């Protein structure tokens, strides 16, 4: 299979190494390339695209790839705007393409072994942007998809994955005065799920401490980012090319994305009115 990888930032390089290893191990027969222009990419004739460029470019890039008949692996979040989302969904459907929006915590083995969480669960992710991307990048710019709500939407996706469809998001976004970012630095959320369960979220990108855990009943489970979960995710995706029911395809993922964006845009509208 011919794979086009778009974007060689930190996550793009991680996928490059994983796909290279899968090829060398003989798990899949992969031709992997990264190009700087569409003309060269067209000559390569990729069947699959891994879209790992900055958030605000995801939908536009996915449309380019889908129009060329490529199956889509889209890094989270789908984008930072809803423009042309329906167009992308329609192209994927009309061409019979496989799509997947990558939230790798779903493949974390500690998460997969949590069992019954009960009706109230806390998701906490305290991180510091400077530790995983340089300041002044798109991760620090709200117009380009930066900020706690989208950058740390792993936890929101995980809550829906484990606890059922999200009915409502309530809470607040917070801005700590910081010359390095113009996006929200914290998202403090109460999320109601279908069936009445509640998930509480504390998500920070400028925290003095680094921690990620899930708290439920009398348990606190620390969640680590592991190479294994990225490897398992890639294998899952490649094994399910052609499967219209692939987990978190663009249709499924877009439902949560619209809910997240509705809350985020409302919070930004209120802030800029002041």
C-alpha atoms as a PDB file:
ATOM      1  CA  UNK A   1       0.000   0.000   0.000  1.00  0.00           C
ATOM      2  CA  UNK A   2       1.245   3.460  -0.906  1.00  0.00           C
ATOM      3  CA  UNK A   3       0.962   5.985   1.938  1.00  0.00           C
ATOM      4  CA  UNK A   4       1.335   9.743   1.675  1.00  0.00           C
ATOM      5  CA  UNK A   5       2.299  11.366   4.963  1.00  0.00           C
ATOM      6  CA  UNK A   6       1.472  15.073   5.175  1.00  0.00           C
ATOM      7  CA  UNK A   7       3.214  17.025   7.943  1.00  0.00           C
ATOM      8  CA  UNK A   8       6.505  16.125   9.612  1.00  0.00           C
ATOM      9  CA  UNK A   9       6.116  17.784  12.975  1.00  0.00           C
ATOM     10  CA  UNK A  10       6.393  15.765  16.171  1.00  0.00           C
ATOM     11  CA  UNK A  11       3.321  13.616  15.492  1.00  0.00           C
ATOM     12  CA  UNK A  12       4.126  13.214  11.807  1.00  0.00           C
ATOM     13  CA  UNK A  13       7.611  11.942  12.642  1.00  0.00           C
ATOM     14  CA  UNK A  14       6.104   9.491  15.123  1.00  0.00           C
ATOM     15  CA  UNK A  15       3.793   8.055  12.447  1.00  0.00           C
ATOM     16  CA  UNK A  16       6.675   7.971   9.957  1.00  0.00           C
ATOM     17  CA  UNK A  17       8.712   5.818  12.343  1.00  0.00           C
ATOM     18  CA  UNK A  18       5.786   3.535  13.147  1.00  0.00           C
ATOM     19  CA  UNK A  19       4.905   2.966   9.488  1.00  0.00           C
ATOM     20  CA  UNK A  20       8.566   2.419   8.616  1.00  0.00           C
ATOM     21  CA  UNK A  21       8.826  -0.187  11.377  1.00  0.00           C
ATOM     22  CA  UNK A  22       5.652  -1.963  10.257  1.00  0.00           C
ATOM     23  CA  UNK A  23       7.129  -2.228   6.781  1.00  0.00           C
ATOM     24  CA  UNK A  24      10.503  -3.475   8.025  1.00  0.00           C
ATOM     25  CA  UNK A  25       8.838  -6.000  10.322  1.00  0.00           C
ATOM     26  CA  UNK A  26       6.822  -7.329   7.383  1.00  0.00           C
ATOM     27  CA  UNK A  27       3.494  -6.632   9.100  1.00  0.00           C
ATOM     28  CA  UNK A  28       2.364  -4.562   6.099  1.00  0.00           C
ATOM     29  CA  UNK A  29       3.947  -3.896   2.736  1.00  0.00           C
ATOM     30  CA  UNK A  30       4.194  -0.121   2.768  1.00  0.00           C
ATOM     31  CA  UNK A  31       5.629   2.474   0.426  1.00  0.00           C
ATOM     32  CA  UNK A  32       5.818   5.678   2.428  1.00  0.00           C
ATOM     33  CA  UNK A  33       6.579   9.124   1.063  1.00  0.00           C
ATOM     34  CA  UNK A  34       6.386  12.772   2.059  1.00  0.00           C
ATOM     35  CA  UNK A  35       6.085  15.374  -0.697  1.00  0.00           C
ATOM     36  CA  UNK A  36       6.119  19.153  -0.826  1.00  0.00           C
ATOM     37  CA  UNK A  37       3.727  19.593  -3.768  1.00  0.00           C
ATOM     38  CA  UNK A  38       0.596  17.908  -5.102  1.00  0.00           C
ATOM     39  CA  UNK A  39       2.091  17.256  -8.546  1.00  0.00           C
ATOM     40  CA  UNK A  40       4.734  14.972  -7.069  1.00  0.00           C
ATOM     41  CA  UNK A  41       2.169  13.338  -4.830  1.00  0.00           C
ATOM     42  CA  UNK A  42      -0.082  12.638  -7.804  1.00  0.00           C
ATOM     43  CA  UNK A  43       2.759  10.866  -9.607  1.00  0.00           C
ATOM     44  CA  UNK A  44       3.311   8.704  -6.531  1.00  0.00           C
ATOM     45  CA  UNK A  45      -0.336   7.594  -6.592  1.00  0.00           C
ATOM     46  CA  UNK A  46      -0.953   7.164  -2.879  1.00  0.00           C
ATOM     47  CA  UNK A  47      -3.840   5.006  -1.706  1.00  0.00           C
ATOM     48  CA  UNK A  48      -3.802   6.311   1.884  1.00  0.00           C
ATOM     49  CA  UNK A  49      -3.086   9.706   3.435  1.00  0.00           C
ATOM     50  CA  UNK A  50      -1.882  10.322   6.979  1.00  0.00           C
ATOM     51  CA  UNK A  51      -2.828  13.955   7.645  1.00  0.00           C
ATOM     52  CA  UNK A  52      -0.546  15.308  10.370  1.00  0.00           C
ATOM     53  CA  UNK A  53      -0.141  18.955   9.393  1.00  0.00           C
ATOM     54  CA  UNK A  54      -1.337  21.881  11.587  1.00  0.00           C
ATOM     55  CA  UNK A  55      -4.924  21.635  12.820  1.00  0.00           C
ATOM     56  CA  UNK A  56      -6.310  24.516  10.789  1.00  0.00           C
ATOM     57  CA  UNK A  57      -5.257  22.788   7.553  1.00  0.00           C
ATOM     58  CA  UNK A  58      -6.826  19.373   8.226  1.00  0.00           C
ATOM     59  CA  UNK A  59     -10.141  19.632   6.382  1.00  0.00           C
ATOM     60  CA  UNK A  60      -8.680  21.401   3.339  1.00  0.00           C
ATOM     61  CA  UNK A  61      -5.926  18.786   3.114  1.00  0.00           C
ATOM     62  CA  UNK A  62      -8.337  15.900   3.648  1.00  0.00           C
ATOM     63  CA  UNK A  63     -10.533  17.164   0.795  1.00  0.00           C
ATOM     64  CA  UNK A  64      -7.519  17.295  -1.538  1.00  0.00           C
ATOM     65  CA  UNK A  65      -6.627  13.720  -0.611  1.00  0.00           C
ATOM     66  CA  UNK A  66     -10.190  12.388  -0.725  1.00  0.00           C
ATOM     67  CA  UNK A  67     -10.717  13.897  -4.178  1.00  0.00           C
ATOM     68  CA  UNK A  68      -7.702  11.842  -5.261  1.00  0.00           C
ATOM     69  CA  UNK A  69      -9.300   8.678  -3.884  1.00  0.00           C
ATOM     70  CA  UNK A  70      -7.142   8.288  -0.779  1.00  0.00           C
ATOM     71  CA  UNK A  71      -8.358   6.684   2.426  1.00  0.00           C
ATOM     72  CA  UNK A  72      -7.916   9.114   5.308  1.00  0.00           C
ATOM     73  CA  UNK A  73      -6.119   8.957   8.641  1.00  0.00           C
ATOM     74  CA  UNK A  74      -6.724  12.403  10.175  1.00  0.00           C
ATOM     75  CA  UNK A  75      -4.906  13.513  13.306  1.00  0.00           C
ATOM     76  CA  UNK A  76      -7.141  14.925  16.007  1.00  0.00           C
ATOM     77  CA  UNK A  77      -8.949  17.255  16.110  1.00  0.00           C
ATOM     78  CA  UNK A  78     -10.715  17.240  12.753  1.00  0.00           C
ATOM     79  CA  UNK A  79      -9.958  20.958  12.395  1.00  0.00           C
ATOM     80  CA  UNK A  80     -10.616  24.197  14.299  1.00  0.00           C
ATOM     81  CA  UNK A  81     -13.541  25.251  12.105  1.00  0.00           C
ATOM     82  CA  UNK A  82     -16.597  23.642  10.570  1.00  0.00           C
ATOM     83  CA  UNK A  83     -16.079  25.099   7.091  1.00  0.00           C
ATOM     84  CA  UNK A  84     -16.327  22.375   4.428  1.00  0.00           C
ATOM     85  CA  UNK A  85     -16.774  19.560   6.959  1.00  0.00           C
ATOM     86  CA  UNK A  86     -19.965  18.425   5.231  1.00  0.00           C
ATOM     87  CA  UNK A  87     -18.186  18.648   1.878  1.00  0.00           C
ATOM     88  CA  UNK A  88     -15.475  16.312   3.155  1.00  0.00           C
ATOM     89  CA  UNK A  89     -18.036  13.863   4.544  1.00  0.00           C
ATOM     90  CA  UNK A  90     -19.877  13.795   1.216  1.00  0.00           C
ATOM     91  CA  UNK A  91     -16.691  13.163  -0.801  1.00  0.00           C
ATOM     92  CA  UNK A  92     -15.675  10.307   1.507  1.00  0.00           C
ATOM     93  CA  UNK A  93     -19.138   8.756   1.160  1.00  0.00           C
ATOM     94  CA  UNK A  94     -19.437   9.221  -2.608  1.00  0.00           C
ATOM     95  CA  UNK A  95     -16.044   7.638  -3.252  1.00  0.00           C
ATOM     96  CA  UNK A  96     -16.499   4.817  -0.754  1.00  0.00           C
ATOM     97  CA  UNK A  97     -13.406   5.814   1.209  1.00  0.00           C
ATOM     98  CA  UNK A  98     -12.344   4.696   4.657  1.00  0.00           C
ATOM     99  CA  UNK A  99     -11.701   7.422   7.225  1.00  0.00           C
ATOM    100  CA  UNK A 100     -10.439   7.556  10.792  1.00  0.00           C
ATOM    101  CA  UNK A 101      -9.911  10.466  13.202  1.00  0.00           C
ATOM    102  CA  UNK A 102      -6.962   9.629  15.437  1.00  0.00           C
ATOM    103  CA  UNK A 103      -7.509   9.712  19.184  1.00  0.00           C
ATOM    104  CA  UNK A 104      -4.825   7.250  20.316  1.00  0.00           C
ATOM    105  CA  UNK A 105      -5.870   7.114  23.981  1.00  0.00           C
ATOM    106  CA  UNK A 106      -8.647   4.793  22.812  1.00  0.00           C
ATOM    107  CA  UNK A 107      -5.863   2.295  22.126  1.00  0.00           C
ATOM    108  CA  UNK A 108      -4.057   2.755  25.451  1.00  0.00           C
ATOM    109  CA  UNK A 109      -4.053  -0.659  27.094  1.00  0.00           C
ATOM    110  CA  UNK A 110      -4.600   0.751  30.586  1.00  0.00           C
ATOM    111  CA  UNK A 111      -7.737   2.484  29.291  1.00  0.00           C
ATOM    112  CA  UNK A 112      -8.984  -0.685  27.630  1.00  0.00           C
ATOM    113  CA  UNK A 113      -8.809  -2.523  30.962  1.00  0.00           C
ATOM    114  CA  UNK A 114     -10.656   0.027  33.116  1.00  0.00           C
ATOM    115  CA  UNK A 115     -13.903  -1.909  33.418  1.00  0.00           C
ATOM    116  CA  UNK A 116     -17.064  -0.316  34.827  1.00  0.00           C
ATOM    117  CA  UNK A 117     -16.459   3.387  35.567  1.00  0.00           C
ATOM    118  CA  UNK A 118     -19.717   4.159  37.325  1.00  0.00           C
ATOM    119  CA  UNK A 119     -21.809   7.281  36.826  1.00  0.00           C
ATOM    120  CA  UNK A 120     -19.303  10.022  37.704  1.00  0.00           C
ATOM    121  CA  UNK A 121     -15.770  10.132  36.300  1.00  0.00           C
ATOM    122  CA  UNK A 122     -13.003  12.759  36.450  1.00  0.00           C
ATOM    123  CA  UNK A 123     -10.569  13.256  33.577  1.00  0.00           C
ATOM    124  CA  UNK A 124      -7.506  15.379  34.334  1.00  0.00           C
ATOM    125  CA  UNK A 125      -4.740  16.433  31.965  1.00  0.00           C
ATOM    126  CA  UNK A 126      -2.225  19.017  33.180  1.00  0.00           C
ATOM    127  CA  UNK A 127       0.486  19.733  30.642  1.00  0.00           C
ATOM    128  CA  UNK A 128       2.789  22.513  29.556  1.00  0.00           C
ATOM    129  CA  UNK A 129       2.907  23.505  25.920  1.00  0.00           C
ATOM    130  CA  UNK A 130       6.607  24.323  26.006  1.00  0.00           C
ATOM    131  CA  UNK A 131       7.360  20.680  26.849  1.00  0.00           C
ATOM    132  CA  UNK A 132       5.782  19.241  23.693  1.00  0.00           C
ATOM    133  CA  UNK A 133       5.742  22.050  21.129  1.00  0.00           C
ATOM    134  CA  UNK A 134       7.578  25.315  20.884  1.00  0.00           C
ATOM    135  CA  UNK A 135       5.609  28.416  21.799  1.00  0.00           C
ATOM    136  CA  UNK A 136       4.348  30.629  18.998  1.00  0.00           C
ATOM    137  CA  UNK A 137       3.231  27.583  16.998  1.00  0.00           C
ATOM    138  CA  UNK A 138      -0.329  26.837  15.946  1.00  0.00           C
ATOM    139  CA  UNK A 139      -0.843  25.071  19.290  1.00  0.00           C
ATOM    140  CA  UNK A 140      -0.680  28.476  20.977  1.00  0.00           C
ATOM    141  CA  UNK A 141      -2.937  30.282  18.503  1.00  0.00           C
ATOM    142  CA  UNK A 142      -6.712  29.918  18.906  1.00  0.00           C
ATOM    143  CA  UNK A 143      -7.294  30.807  15.248  1.00  0.00           C
ATOM    144  CA  UNK A 144      -5.191  27.824  14.201  1.00  0.00           C
ATOM    145  CA  UNK A 145      -6.642  25.289  16.613  1.00  0.00           C
ATOM    146  CA  UNK A 146      -4.528  26.013  19.668  1.00  0.00           C
ATOM    147  CA  UNK A 147      -5.769  26.047  23.233  1.00  0.00           C
ATOM    148  CA  UNK A 148      -6.789  23.499  25.839  1.00  0.00           C
ATOM    149  CA  UNK A 149     -10.199  22.609  24.395  1.00  0.00           C
ATOM    150  CA  UNK A 150      -8.932  21.226  21.087  1.00  0.00           C
ATOM    151  CA  UNK A 151      -5.342  20.307  21.919  1.00  0.00           C
ATOM    152  CA  UNK A 152      -6.482  18.233  24.898  1.00  0.00           C
ATOM    153  CA  UNK A 153      -9.714  16.968  23.382  1.00  0.00           C
ATOM    154  CA  UNK A 154      -8.309  13.453  23.893  1.00  0.00           C
ATOM    155  CA  UNK A 155     -10.044  13.397  27.269  1.00  0.00           C
ATOM    156  CA  UNK A 156     -13.391  14.540  25.858  1.00  0.00           C
ATOM    157  CA  UNK A 157     -13.255  11.894  23.155  1.00  0.00           C
ATOM    158  CA  UNK A 158     -12.234   9.298  25.716  1.00  0.00           C
ATOM    159  CA  UNK A 159     -15.162  10.211  27.966  1.00  0.00           C
ATOM    160  CA  UNK A 160     -17.603   9.683  25.100  1.00  0.00           C
ATOM    161  CA  UNK A 161     -15.869   6.455  24.078  1.00  0.00           C
ATOM    162  CA  UNK A 162     -16.091   5.023  27.594  1.00  0.00           C
ATOM    163  CA  UNK A 163     -19.312   6.568  28.907  1.00  0.00           C
ATOM    164  CA  UNK A 164     -21.567   6.971  25.902  1.00  0.00           C
ATOM    165  CA  UNK A 165     -22.740   9.800  23.625  1.00  0.00           C
ATOM    166  CA  UNK A 166     -22.319  13.337  24.933  1.00  0.00           C
ATOM    167  CA  UNK A 167     -25.576  15.215  25.377  1.00  0.00           C
ATOM    168  CA  UNK A 168     -24.277  18.526  26.743  1.00  0.00           C
ATOM    169  CA  UNK A 169     -21.036  20.314  27.567  1.00  0.00           C
ATOM    170  CA  UNK A 170     -21.097  22.965  30.285  1.00  0.00           C
ATOM    171  CA  UNK A 171     -18.283  24.794  32.023  1.00  0.00           C
ATOM    172  CA  UNK A 172     -15.776  27.491  31.210  1.00  0.00           C
ATOM    173  CA  UNK A 173     -12.587  28.238  29.343  1.00  0.00           C
ATOM    174  CA  UNK A 174      -9.879  30.155  31.190  1.00  0.00           C
ATOM    175  CA  UNK A 175      -7.134  32.467  30.008  1.00  0.00           C
ATOM    176  CA  UNK A 176      -3.987  32.910  32.070  1.00  0.00           C
ATOM    177  CA  UNK A 177      -2.049  35.976  31.004  1.00  0.00           C
ATOM    178  CA  UNK A 178       0.778  34.528  28.985  1.00  0.00           C
ATOM    179  CA  UNK A 179       2.797  36.231  26.280  1.00  0.00           C
ATOM    180  CA  UNK A 180       3.338  32.935  24.498  1.00  0.00           C
ATOM    181  CA  UNK A 181      -0.263  32.037  23.713  1.00  0.00           C
ATOM    182  CA  UNK A 182      -3.459  33.847  22.735  1.00  0.00           C
ATOM    183  CA  UNK A 183      -5.629  30.756  23.204  1.00  0.00           C
ATOM    184  CA  UNK A 184      -7.392  29.469  26.289  1.00  0.00           C
ATOM    185  CA  UNK A 185      -4.975  27.850  28.706  1.00  0.00           C
ATOM    186  CA  UNK A 186      -7.587  25.847  30.601  1.00  0.00           C
ATOM    187  CA  UNK A 187     -10.883  24.084  29.977  1.00  0.00           C
ATOM    188  CA  UNK A 188     -12.958  23.124  33.017  1.00  0.00           C
ATOM    189  CA  UNK A 189     -15.961  21.143  31.904  1.00  0.00           C
ATOM    190  CA  UNK A 190     -18.946  19.211  33.133  1.00  0.00           C
ATOM    191  CA  UNK A 191     -20.198  16.845  30.461  1.00  0.00           C
ATOM    192  CA  UNK A 192     -23.526  15.035  30.561  1.00  0.00           C
ATOM    193  CA  UNK A 193     -23.780  11.726  28.755  1.00  0.00           C
ATOM    194  CA  UNK A 194     -26.752   9.859  27.370  1.00  0.00           C
ATOM    195  CA  UNK A 195     -28.092   7.773  30.246  1.00  0.00           C
ATOM    196  CA  UNK A 196     -27.276  10.353  32.922  1.00  0.00           C
ATOM    197  CA  UNK A 197     -23.575   9.739  33.582  1.00  0.00           C
ATOM    198  CA  UNK A 198     -21.373  12.785  34.211  1.00  0.00           C
ATOM    199  CA  UNK A 199     -17.737  13.357  33.333  1.00  0.00           C
ATOM    200  CA  UNK A 200     -15.737  16.239  34.794  1.00  0.00           C
ATOM    201  CA  UNK A 201     -12.702  17.562  32.943  1.00  0.00           C
ATOM    202  CA  UNK A 202      -9.761  19.711  34.010  1.00  0.00           C
ATOM    203  CA  UNK A 203      -7.560  20.369  30.967  1.00  0.00           C
ATOM    204  CA  UNK A 204      -4.573  22.727  31.095  1.00  0.00           C
ATOM    205  CA  UNK A 205      -1.788  23.543  28.629  1.00  0.00           C
ATOM    206  CA  UNK A 206       0.266  25.951  30.789  1.00  0.00           C
ATOM    207  CA  UNK A 207       0.405  24.005  34.036  1.00  0.00           C
ATOM    208  CA  UNK A 208       3.416  23.893  36.350  1.00  0.00           C
ATOM    209  CA  UNK A 209       2.927  20.158  36.721  1.00  0.00           C
ATOM    210  CA  UNK A 210       2.390  17.342  34.267  1.00  0.00           C
ATOM    211  CA  UNK A 211      -0.176  14.669  35.009  1.00  0.00           C
ATOM    212  CA  UNK A 212      -2.889  12.741  33.235  1.00  0.00           C
ATOM    213  CA  UNK A 213      -5.298  10.467  35.049  1.00  0.00           C
ATOM    214  CA  UNK A 214      -8.819   9.106  35.212  1.00  0.00           C
ATOM    215  CA  UNK A 215     -10.558   9.017  38.589  1.00  0.00           C
ATOM    216  CA  UNK A 216     -13.640   6.875  39.143  1.00  0.00           C
ATOM    217  CA  UNK A 217     -15.233   5.276  42.189  1.00  0.00           C
ATOM    218  CA  UNK A 218     -12.223   4.845  44.510  1.00  0.00           C
ATOM    219  CA  UNK A 219      -9.686   4.419  41.721  1.00  0.00           C
ATOM    220  CA  UNK A 220      -7.143   6.757  40.187  1.00  0.00           C
ATOM    221  CA  UNK A 221      -5.535   5.429  37.013  1.00  0.00           C
ATOM    222  CA  UNK A 222      -2.534   7.309  35.641  1.00  0.00           C
ATOM    223  CA  UNK A 223      -2.509   7.423  31.856  1.00  0.00           C
ATOM    224  CA  UNK A 224       0.818   7.389  30.075  1.00  0.00           C
ATOM    225  CA  UNK A 225       1.469   8.207  26.430  1.00  0.00           C
ATOM    226  CA  UNK A 226       3.062   5.056  25.062  1.00  0.00           C
ATOM    227  CA  UNK A 227       4.569   4.051  21.742  1.00  0.00           C
ATOM    228  CA  UNK A 228       2.478   0.893  21.951  1.00  0.00           C
ATOM    229  CA  UNK A 229      -0.837   2.751  21.727  1.00  0.00           C
ATOM    230  CA  UNK A 230       0.301   4.595  18.590  1.00  0.00           C
ATOM    231  CA  UNK A 231       1.470   1.287  17.104  1.00  0.00           C
ATOM    232  CA  UNK A 232      -1.832  -0.426  17.968  1.00  0.00           C
ATOM    233  CA  UNK A 233      -3.740   2.495  16.447  1.00  0.00           C
ATOM    234  CA  UNK A 234      -1.826   2.296  13.161  1.00  0.00           C
ATOM    235  CA  UNK A 235      -2.375  -1.463  12.949  1.00  0.00           C
ATOM    236  CA  UNK A 236      -6.085  -1.021  13.681  1.00  0.00           C
ATOM    237  CA  UNK A 237      -6.440   1.576  10.943  1.00  0.00           C
ATOM    238  CA  UNK A 238      -4.498  -0.329   8.294  1.00  0.00           C
ATOM    239  CA  UNK A 239      -6.307  -3.577   9.113  1.00  0.00           C
ATOM    240  CA  UNK A 240      -9.659  -1.849   8.625  1.00  0.00           C
ATOM    241  CA  UNK A 241      -9.126  -0.179   5.256  1.00  0.00           C
ATOM    242  CA  UNK A 242     -12.356  -0.867   3.394  1.00  0.00           C
ATOM    243  CA  UNK A 243     -14.383  -1.269   6.591  1.00  0.00           C
ATOM    244  CA  UNK A 244     -17.167   1.318   6.542  1.00  0.00           C
ATOM    245  CA  UNK A 245     -17.728   0.711  10.258  1.00  0.00           C
ATOM    246  CA  UNK A 246     -14.220   1.627  11.307  1.00  0.00           C
ATOM    247  CA  UNK A 247     -14.207   3.157  14.785  1.00  0.00           C
ATOM    248  CA  UNK A 248     -14.308   6.962  14.856  1.00  0.00           C
ATOM    249  CA  UNK A 249     -14.718   7.456  11.136  1.00  0.00           C
ATOM    250  CA  UNK A 250     -15.329  10.990   9.882  1.00  0.00           C
ATOM    251  CA  UNK A 251     -19.123  10.707  10.226  1.00  0.00           C
ATOM    252  CA  UNK A 252     -18.932   9.395  13.789  1.00  0.00           C
ATOM    253  CA  UNK A 253     -16.159  11.769  14.860  1.00  0.00           C
ATOM    254  CA  UNK A 254     -17.851  14.819  13.355  1.00  0.00           C
ATOM    255  CA  UNK A 255     -20.742  14.541  15.828  1.00  0.00           C
ATOM    256  CA  UNK A 256     -18.469  15.100  18.823  1.00  0.00           C
ATOM    257  CA  UNK A 257     -16.438  17.684  16.928  1.00  0.00           C
ATOM    258  CA  UNK A 258     -19.543  19.791  16.266  1.00  0.00           C
ATOM    259  CA  UNK A 259     -20.474  19.609  19.954  1.00  0.00           C
ATOM    260  CA  UNK A 260     -16.987  20.686  21.031  1.00  0.00           C
ATOM    261  CA  UNK A 261     -16.923  23.517  18.506  1.00  0.00           C
ATOM    262  CA  UNK A 262     -20.348  24.803  19.541  1.00  0.00           C
ATOM    263  CA  UNK A 263     -19.178  25.148  23.144  1.00  0.00           C
ATOM    264  CA  UNK A 264     -15.772  26.589  22.198  1.00  0.00           C
ATOM    265  CA  UNK A 265     -17.174  29.141  19.770  1.00  0.00           C
ATOM    266  CA  UNK A 266     -19.762  30.223  22.341  1.00  0.00           C
ATOM    267  CA  UNK A 267     -17.060  30.785  24.935  1.00  0.00           C
ATOM    268  CA  UNK A 268     -14.922  32.798  22.522  1.00  0.00           C
ATOM    269  CA  UNK A 269     -17.895  34.868  21.400  1.00  0.00           C
ATOM    270  CA  UNK A 270     -18.672  35.743  25.012  1.00  0.00           C
ATOM    271  CA  UNK A 271     -15.066  36.620  25.753  1.00  0.00           C
ATOM    272  CA  UNK A 272     -14.640  38.952  22.806  1.00  0.00           C
ATOM    273  CA  UNK A 273     -17.921  40.740  23.544  1.00  0.00           C
ATOM    274  CA  UNK A 274     -16.423  41.981  26.797  1.00  0.00           C
END
